[in-house]
Amino acid sequence: MVIGIIVFGSVFLVGLALGTVTRRPLATASLVVAAFVSLLVVQTHEPLAGAAAFALISLAGLVLDSVRETVGLLLGR
């Protein structure tokens, strides 16, 4: 379990590092984590579940990034 936490944490940090280039770190990190999770799910021979996992995680990340940006605009940052 500890190894899984370390792996997912490192995948998230890689996504954040890639996101600093695109100026949308949370959205990019969620796309990277979603791709990683969907690859893990597809290995169980469930391609539709992998697609669903990718869609849910990436959409949640995009919504969180949009909320972060909106709150930043409202607070004048």
PDB file of N, CA and C in Angstrom:
ATOM      1  N   MET A   1       0.823  -1.178   0.000  1.00  0.00           N
ATOM      2  CA  MET A   1       0.000   0.000   0.000  1.00  0.00           C
ATOM      3  C   MET A   1       0.878   1.257   0.000  1.00  0.00           C
ATOM      4  N   VAL A   2       1.951   1.200   0.740  1.00  0.00           N
ATOM      5  CA  VAL A   2       2.853   2.345   0.783  1.00  0.00           C
ATOM      6  C   VAL A   2       3.483   2.574  -0.586  1.00  0.00           C
ATOM      7  N   ILE A   3       3.824   1.495  -1.264  1.00  0.00           N
ATOM      8  CA  ILE A   3       4.408   1.621  -2.607  1.00  0.00           C
ATOM      9  C   ILE A   3       3.391   2.236  -3.568  1.00  0.00           C
ATOM     10  N   GLY A   4       2.130   1.849  -3.452  1.00  0.00           N
ATOM     11  CA  GLY A   4       1.091   2.432  -4.298  1.00  0.00           C
ATOM     12  C   GLY A   4       0.926   3.910  -4.061  1.00  0.00           C
ATOM     13  N   ILE A   5       0.978   4.335  -2.803  1.00  0.00           N
ATOM     14  CA  ILE A   5       0.870   5.757  -2.483  1.00  0.00           C
ATOM     15  C   ILE A   5       2.055   6.515  -3.066  1.00  0.00           C
ATOM     16  N   ILE A   6       3.238   5.921  -2.955  1.00  0.00           N
ATOM     17  CA  ILE A   6       4.435   6.562  -3.506  1.00  0.00           C
ATOM     18  C   ILE A   6       4.341   6.670  -5.021  1.00  0.00           C
ATOM     19  N   VAL A   7       3.872   5.614  -5.676  1.00  0.00           N
ATOM     20  CA  VAL A   7       3.761   5.629  -7.142  1.00  0.00           C
ATOM     21  C   VAL A   7       2.739   6.664  -7.604  1.00  0.00           C
ATOM     22  N   PHE A   8       1.555   6.670  -6.984  1.00  0.00           N
ATOM     23  CA  PHE A   8       0.544   7.642  -7.389  1.00  0.00           C
ATOM     24  C   PHE A   8       0.985   9.067  -7.070  1.00  0.00           C
ATOM     25  N   GLY A   9       1.663   9.248  -5.949  1.00  0.00           N
ATOM     26  CA  GLY A   9       2.183  10.569  -5.613  1.00  0.00           C
ATOM     27  C   GLY A   9       3.212  11.049  -6.613  1.00  0.00           C
ATOM     28  N   SER A  10       4.090  10.143  -7.041  1.00  0.00           N
ATOM     29  CA  SER A  10       5.107  10.542  -8.023  1.00  0.00           C
ATOM     30  C   SER A  10       4.480  10.820  -9.385  1.00  0.00           C
ATOM     31  N   VAL A  11       3.464  10.063  -9.762  1.00  0.00           N
ATOM     32  CA  VAL A  11       2.763  10.333 -11.025  1.00  0.00           C
ATOM     33  C   VAL A  11       2.084  11.699 -10.963  1.00  0.00           C
ATOM     34  N   PHE A  12       1.485  12.016  -9.820  1.00  0.00           N
ATOM     35  CA  PHE A  12       0.849  13.322  -9.667  1.00  0.00           C
ATOM     36  C   PHE A  12       1.882  14.443  -9.735  1.00  0.00           C
ATOM     37  N   LEU A  13       3.040  14.243  -9.104  1.00  0.00           N
ATOM     38  CA  LEU A  13       4.081  15.270  -9.141  1.00  0.00           C
ATOM     39  C   LEU A  13       4.641  15.451 -10.550  1.00  0.00           C
ATOM     40  N   VAL A  14       4.755  14.373 -11.302  1.00  0.00           N
ATOM     41  CA  VAL A  14       5.187  14.494 -12.695  1.00  0.00           C
ATOM     42  C   VAL A  14       4.158  15.287 -13.492  1.00  0.00           C
ATOM     43  N   GLY A  15       2.878  15.028 -13.239  1.00  0.00           N
ATOM     44  CA  GLY A  15       1.825  15.796 -13.901  1.00  0.00           C
ATOM     45  C   GLY A  15       1.865  17.264 -13.533  1.00  0.00           C
ATOM     46  N   LEU A  16       2.143  17.563 -12.260  1.00  0.00           N
ATOM     47  CA  LEU A  16       2.275  18.968 -11.859  1.00  0.00           C
ATOM     48  C   LEU A  16       3.472  19.624 -12.535  1.00  0.00           C
ATOM     49  N   ALA A  17       4.561  18.878 -12.664  1.00  0.00           N
ATOM     50  CA  ALA A  17       5.749  19.429 -13.336  1.00  0.00           C
ATOM     51  C   ALA A  17       5.451  19.728 -14.799  1.00  0.00           C
ATOM     52  N   LEU A  18       4.740  18.828 -15.459  1.00  0.00           N
ATOM     53  CA  LEU A  18       4.353  19.078 -16.850  1.00  0.00           C
ATOM     54  C   LEU A  18       3.361  20.241 -16.940  1.00  0.00           C
ATOM     55  N   GLY A  19       2.531  20.382 -15.928  1.00  0.00           N
ATOM     56  CA  GLY A  19       1.522  21.436 -15.931  1.00  0.00           C
ATOM     57  C   GLY A  19       2.082  22.827 -15.748  1.00  0.00           C
ATOM     58  N   THR A  20       3.268  22.933 -15.174  1.00  0.00           N
ATOM     59  CA  THR A  20       3.851  24.263 -15.028  1.00  0.00           C
ATOM     60  C   THR A  20       4.207  24.860 -16.387  1.00  0.00           C
ATOM     61  N   VAL A  21       4.449  24.012 -17.353  1.00  0.00           N
ATOM     62  CA  VAL A  21       4.743  24.483 -18.710  1.00  0.00           C
ATOM     63  C   VAL A  21       3.466  24.982 -19.381  1.00  0.00           C
ATOM     64  N   THR A  22       2.354  24.315 -19.124  1.00  0.00           N
ATOM     65  CA  THR A  22       1.095  24.664 -19.781  1.00  0.00           C
ATOM     66  C   THR A  22       0.277  25.707 -19.028  1.00  0.00           C
ATOM     67  N   ARG A  23       0.740  26.115 -17.862  1.00  0.00           N
ATOM     68  CA  ARG A  23       0.055  27.104 -17.017  1.00  0.00           C
ATOM     69  C   ARG A  23      -1.258  26.594 -16.445  1.00  0.00           C
ATOM     70  N   ARG A  24      -1.502  25.303 -16.537  1.00  0.00           N
ATOM     71  CA  ARG A  24      -2.673  24.672 -15.919  1.00  0.00           C
ATOM     72  C   ARG A  24      -2.198  23.411 -15.203  1.00  0.00           C
ATOM     73  N   PRO A  25      -1.543  23.582 -14.053  1.00  0.00           N
ATOM     74  CA  PRO A  25      -0.919  22.430 -13.415  1.00  0.00           C
ATOM     75  C   PRO A  25      -1.908  21.380 -12.909  1.00  0.00           C
ATOM     76  N   LEU A  26      -3.026  21.799 -12.357  1.00  0.00           N
ATOM     77  CA  LEU A  26      -3.969  20.832 -11.804  1.00  0.00           C
ATOM     78  C   LEU A  26      -4.660  20.037 -12.905  1.00  0.00           C
ATOM     79  N   ALA A  27      -5.011  20.690 -13.985  1.00  0.00           N
ATOM     80  CA  ALA A  27      -5.668  19.992 -15.096  1.00  0.00           C
ATOM     81  C   ALA A  27      -4.713  18.996 -15.749  1.00  0.00           C
ATOM     82  N   THR A  28      -3.470  19.399 -15.942  1.00  0.00           N
ATOM     83  CA  THR A  28      -2.492  18.505 -16.559  1.00  0.00           C
ATOM     84  C   THR A  28      -2.175  17.334 -15.640  1.00  0.00           C
ATOM     85  N   ALA A  29      -2.045  17.606 -14.351  1.00  0.00           N
ATOM     86  CA  ALA A  29      -1.772  16.532 -13.399  1.00  0.00           C
ATOM     87  C   ALA A  29      -2.919  15.531 -13.367  1.00  0.00           C
ATOM     88  N   SER A  30      -4.141  16.013 -13.443  1.00  0.00           N
ATOM     89  CA  SER A  30      -5.273  15.088 -13.436  1.00  0.00           C
ATOM     90  C   SER A  30      -5.318  14.256 -14.715  1.00  0.00           C
ATOM     91  N   LEU A  31      -4.937  14.847 -15.842  1.00  0.00           N
ATOM     92  CA  LEU A  31      -4.896  14.063 -17.082  1.00  0.00           C
ATOM     93  C   LEU A  31      -3.821  12.979 -17.028  1.00  0.00           C
ATOM     94  N   VAL A  32      -2.670  13.305 -16.436  1.00  0.00           N
ATOM     95  CA  VAL A  32      -1.598  12.312 -16.319  1.00  0.00           C
ATOM     96  C   VAL A  32      -2.017  11.193 -15.375  1.00  0.00           C
ATOM     97  N   VAL A  33      -2.609  11.537 -14.238  1.00  0.00           N
ATOM     98  CA  VAL A  33      -3.070  10.519 -13.292  1.00  0.00           C
ATOM     99  C   VAL A  33      -4.200   9.698 -13.911  1.00  0.00           C
ATOM    100  N   ALA A  34      -5.083  10.340 -14.650  1.00  0.00           N
ATOM    101  CA  ALA A  34      -6.180   9.616 -15.300  1.00  0.00           C
ATOM    102  C   ALA A  34      -5.644   8.621 -16.324  1.00  0.00           C
ATOM    103  N   ALA A  35      -4.640   9.020 -17.075  1.00  0.00           N
ATOM    104  CA  ALA A  35      -4.051   8.091 -18.041  1.00  0.00           C
ATOM    105  C   ALA A  35      -3.397   6.913 -17.330  1.00  0.00           C
ATOM    106  N   PHE A  36      -2.709   7.178 -16.229  1.00  0.00           N
ATOM    107  CA  PHE A  36      -2.069   6.108 -15.468  1.00  0.00           C
ATOM    108  C   PHE A  36      -3.100   5.146 -14.891  1.00  0.00           C
ATOM    109  N   VAL A  37      -4.155   5.679 -14.301  1.00  0.00           N
ATOM    110  CA  VAL A  37      -5.198   4.835 -13.720  1.00  0.00           C
ATOM    111  C   VAL A  37      -5.917   4.042 -14.801  1.00  0.00           C
ATOM    112  N   SER A  38      -6.195   4.665 -15.925  1.00  0.00           N
ATOM    113  CA  SER A  38      -6.894   3.935 -16.994  1.00  0.00           C
ATOM    114  C   SER A  38      -6.024   2.811 -17.554  1.00  0.00           C
ATOM    115  N   LEU A  39      -4.709   3.021 -17.617  1.00  0.00           N
ATOM    116  CA  LEU A  39      -3.829   1.924 -18.028  1.00  0.00           C
ATOM    117  C   LEU A  39      -3.876   0.776 -17.041  1.00  0.00           C
ATOM    118  N   LEU A  40      -3.923   1.086 -15.765  1.00  0.00           N
ATOM    119  CA  LEU A  40      -4.025   0.030 -14.754  1.00  0.00           C
ATOM    120  C   LEU A  40      -5.351  -0.715 -14.863  1.00  0.00           C
ATOM    121  N   VAL A  41      -6.428   0.000 -15.122  1.00  0.00           N
ATOM    122  CA  VAL A  41      -7.742  -0.638 -15.215  1.00  0.00           C
ATOM    123  C   VAL A  41      -7.855  -1.461 -16.488  1.00  0.00           C
ATOM    124  N   VAL A  42      -7.290  -0.981 -17.586  1.00  0.00           N
ATOM    125  CA  VAL A  42      -7.365  -1.719 -18.854  1.00  0.00           C
ATOM    126  C   VAL A  42      -6.613  -3.044 -18.752  1.00  0.00           C
ATOM    127  N   GLN A  43      -5.606  -3.109 -17.905  1.00  0.00           N
ATOM    128  CA  GLN A  43      -4.867  -4.359 -17.733  1.00  0.00           C
ATOM    129  C   GLN A  43      -5.714  -5.454 -17.105  1.00  0.00           C
ATOM    130  N   THR A  44      -6.842  -5.096 -16.516  1.00  0.00           N
ATOM    131  CA  THR A  44      -7.755  -6.092 -15.970  1.00  0.00           C
ATOM    132  C   THR A  44      -8.763  -6.560 -17.013  1.00  0.00           C
ATOM    133  N   HIS A  45      -8.525  -6.216 -18.282  1.00  0.00           N
ATOM    134  CA  HIS A  45      -9.379  -6.604 -19.424  1.00  0.00           C
ATOM    135  C   HIS A  45     -10.759  -5.970 -19.344  1.00  0.00           C
ATOM    136  N   GLU A  46     -10.806  -4.754 -18.860  1.00  0.00           N
ATOM    137  CA  GLU A  46     -12.047  -3.987 -18.805  1.00  0.00           C
ATOM    138  C   GLU A  46     -11.830  -2.642 -19.494  1.00  0.00           C
ATOM    139  N   PRO A  47     -11.865  -2.610 -20.835  1.00  0.00           N
ATOM    140  CA  PRO A  47     -11.563  -1.354 -21.534  1.00  0.00           C
ATOM    141  C   PRO A  47     -12.598  -0.256 -21.290  1.00  0.00           C
ATOM    142  N   LEU A  48     -13.855  -0.605 -21.138  1.00  0.00           N
ATOM    143  CA  LEU A  48     -14.868   0.423 -20.889  1.00  0.00           C
ATOM    144  C   LEU A  48     -14.713   1.030 -19.501  1.00  0.00           C
ATOM    145  N   ALA A  49     -14.330   0.212 -18.544  1.00  0.00           N
ATOM    146  CA  ALA A  49     -14.084   0.735 -17.200  1.00  0.00           C
ATOM    147  C   ALA A  49     -12.856   1.649 -17.208  1.00  0.00           C
ATOM    148  N   GLY A  50     -11.865   1.319 -18.025  1.00  0.00           N
ATOM    149  CA  GLY A  50     -10.689   2.180 -18.155  1.00  0.00           C
ATOM    150  C   GLY A  50     -11.045   3.526 -18.763  1.00  0.00           C
ATOM    151  N   ALA A  51     -11.895   3.496 -19.775  1.00  0.00           N
ATOM    152  CA  ALA A  51     -12.337   4.749 -20.397  1.00  0.00           C
ATOM    153  C   ALA A  51     -13.163   5.577 -19.416  1.00  0.00           C
ATOM    154  N   ALA A  52     -13.999   4.904 -18.632  1.00  0.00           N
ATOM    155  CA  ALA A  52     -14.811   5.617 -17.647  1.00  0.00           C
ATOM    156  C   ALA A  52     -13.934   6.230 -16.558  1.00  0.00           C
ATOM    157  N   ALA A  53     -12.928   5.496 -16.117  1.00  0.00           N
ATOM    158  CA  ALA A  53     -12.013   6.026 -15.098  1.00  0.00           C
ATOM    159  C   ALA A  53     -11.269   7.241 -15.634  1.00  0.00           C
ATOM    160  N   PHE A  54     -10.804   7.152 -16.885  1.00  0.00           N
ATOM    161  CA  PHE A  54     -10.108   8.287 -17.483  1.00  0.00           C
ATOM    162  C   PHE A  54     -11.019   9.504 -17.565  1.00  0.00           C
ATOM    163  N   ALA A  55     -12.243   9.286 -18.010  1.00  0.00           N
ATOM    164  CA  ALA A  55     -13.178  10.404 -18.165  1.00  0.00           C
ATOM    165  C   ALA A  55     -13.513  11.043 -16.817  1.00  0.00           C
ATOM    166  N   LEU A  56     -13.788  10.237 -15.811  1.00  0.00           N
ATOM    167  CA  LEU A  56     -14.167  10.788 -14.511  1.00  0.00           C
ATOM    168  C   LEU A  56     -13.022  11.554 -13.848  1.00  0.00           C
ATOM    169  N   ILE A  57     -11.828  10.986 -13.883  1.00  0.00           N
ATOM    170  CA  ILE A  57     -10.700  11.648 -13.227  1.00  0.00           C
ATOM    171  C   ILE A  57     -10.312  12.917 -13.974  1.00  0.00           C
ATOM    172  N   SER A  58     -10.274  12.857 -15.297  1.00  0.00           N
ATOM    173  CA  SER A  58      -9.876  14.049 -16.048  1.00  0.00           C
ATOM    174  C   SER A  58     -10.928  15.153 -15.938  1.00  0.00           C
ATOM    175  N   LEU A  59     -12.199  14.805 -15.955  1.00  0.00           N
ATOM    176  CA  LEU A  59     -13.240  15.826 -15.798  1.00  0.00           C
ATOM    177  C   LEU A  59     -13.213  16.440 -14.405  1.00  0.00           C
ATOM    178  N   ALA A  60     -12.971  15.623 -13.391  1.00  0.00           N
ATOM    179  CA  ALA A  60     -12.876  16.161 -12.029  1.00  0.00           C
ATOM    180  C   ALA A  60     -11.695  17.129 -11.924  1.00  0.00           C
ATOM    181  N   GLY A  61     -10.589  16.794 -12.547  1.00  0.00           N
ATOM    182  CA  GLY A  61      -9.435  17.684 -12.525  1.00  0.00           C
ATOM    183  C   GLY A  61      -9.689  18.981 -13.266  1.00  0.00           C
ATOM    184  N   LEU A  62     -10.369  18.895 -14.396  1.00  0.00           N
ATOM    185  CA  LEU A  62     -10.690  20.112 -15.144  1.00  0.00           C
ATOM    186  C   LEU A  62     -11.646  21.013 -14.375  1.00  0.00           C
ATOM    187  N   VAL A  63     -12.614  20.414 -13.686  1.00  0.00           N
ATOM    188  CA  VAL A  63     -13.550  21.199 -12.877  1.00  0.00           C
ATOM    189  C   VAL A  63     -12.811  21.855 -11.716  1.00  0.00           C
ATOM    190  N   LEU A  64     -11.927  21.107 -11.047  1.00  0.00           N
ATOM    191  CA  LEU A  64     -11.161  21.685  -9.938  1.00  0.00           C
ATOM    192  C   LEU A  64     -10.265  22.826 -10.406  1.00  0.00           C
ATOM    193  N   ASP A  65      -9.660  22.671 -11.570  1.00  0.00           N
ATOM    194  CA  ASP A  65      -8.819  23.741 -12.092  1.00  0.00           C
ATOM    195  C   ASP A  65      -9.656  24.968 -12.441  1.00  0.00           C
ATOM    196  N   SER A  66     -10.843  24.755 -12.980  1.00  0.00           N
ATOM    197  CA  SER A  66     -11.730  25.873 -13.298  1.00  0.00           C
ATOM    198  C   SER A  66     -12.190  26.587 -12.032  1.00  0.00           C
ATOM    199  N   VAL A  67     -12.500  25.825 -10.988  1.00  0.00           N
ATOM    200  CA  VAL A  67     -12.911  26.426  -9.718  1.00  0.00           C
ATOM    201  C   VAL A  67     -11.752  27.216  -9.115  1.00  0.00           C
ATOM    202  N   ARG A  68     -10.538  26.659  -9.177  1.00  0.00           N
ATOM    203  CA  ARG A  68      -9.366  27.358  -8.647  1.00  0.00           C
ATOM    204  C   ARG A  68      -9.158  28.686  -9.378  1.00  0.00           C
ATOM    205  N   GLU A  69      -9.290  28.665 -10.693  1.00  0.00           N
ATOM    206  CA  GLU A  69      -9.114  29.886 -11.471  1.00  0.00           C
ATOM    207  C   GLU A  69     -10.216  30.909 -11.182  1.00  0.00           C
ATOM    208  N   THR A  70     -11.445  30.448 -11.041  1.00  0.00           N
ATOM    209  CA  THR A  70     -12.560  31.351 -10.762  1.00  0.00           C
ATOM    210  C   THR A  70     -12.407  32.004  -9.394  1.00  0.00           C
ATOM    211  N   VAL A  71     -12.024  31.211  -8.391  1.00  0.00           N
ATOM    212  CA  VAL A  71     -11.820  31.774  -7.058  1.00  0.00           C
ATOM    213  C   VAL A  71     -10.669  32.779  -7.080  1.00  0.00           C
ATOM    214  N   GLY A  72      -9.637  32.479  -7.840  1.00  0.00           N
ATOM    215  CA  GLY A  72      -8.528  33.417  -7.971  1.00  0.00           C
ATOM    216  C   GLY A  72      -8.955  34.739  -8.595  1.00  0.00           C
ATOM    217  N   LEU A  73      -9.824  34.673  -9.601  1.00  0.00           N
ATOM    218  CA  LEU A  73     -10.332  35.896 -10.214  1.00  0.00           C
ATOM    219  C   LEU A  73     -11.244  36.674  -9.257  1.00  0.00           C
ATOM    220  N   LEU A  74     -12.051  35.955  -8.499  1.00  0.00           N
ATOM    221  CA  LEU A  74     -12.947  36.627  -7.569  1.00  0.00           C
ATOM    222  C   LEU A  74     -12.200  37.302  -6.437  1.00  0.00           C
ATOM    223  N   LEU A  75     -11.109  36.692  -6.011  1.00  0.00           N
ATOM    224  CA  LEU A  75     -10.318  37.270  -4.917  1.00  0.00           C
ATOM    225  C   LEU A  75      -9.307  38.278  -5.409  1.00  0.00           C
ATOM    226  N   GLY A  76      -9.203  38.436  -6.716  1.00  0.00           N
ATOM    227  CA  GLY A  76      -8.301  39.432  -7.292  1.00  0.00           C
ATOM    228  C   GLY A  76      -6.838  39.032  -7.282  1.00  0.00           C
ATOM    229  N   ARG A  77      -6.575  37.754  -7.413  1.00  0.00           N
ATOM    230  CA  ARG A  77      -5.186  37.290  -7.426  1.00  0.00           C
ATOM    231  C   ARG A  77      -4.693  37.108  -8.823  1.00  0.00           C
TER     232      ARG A  77
END
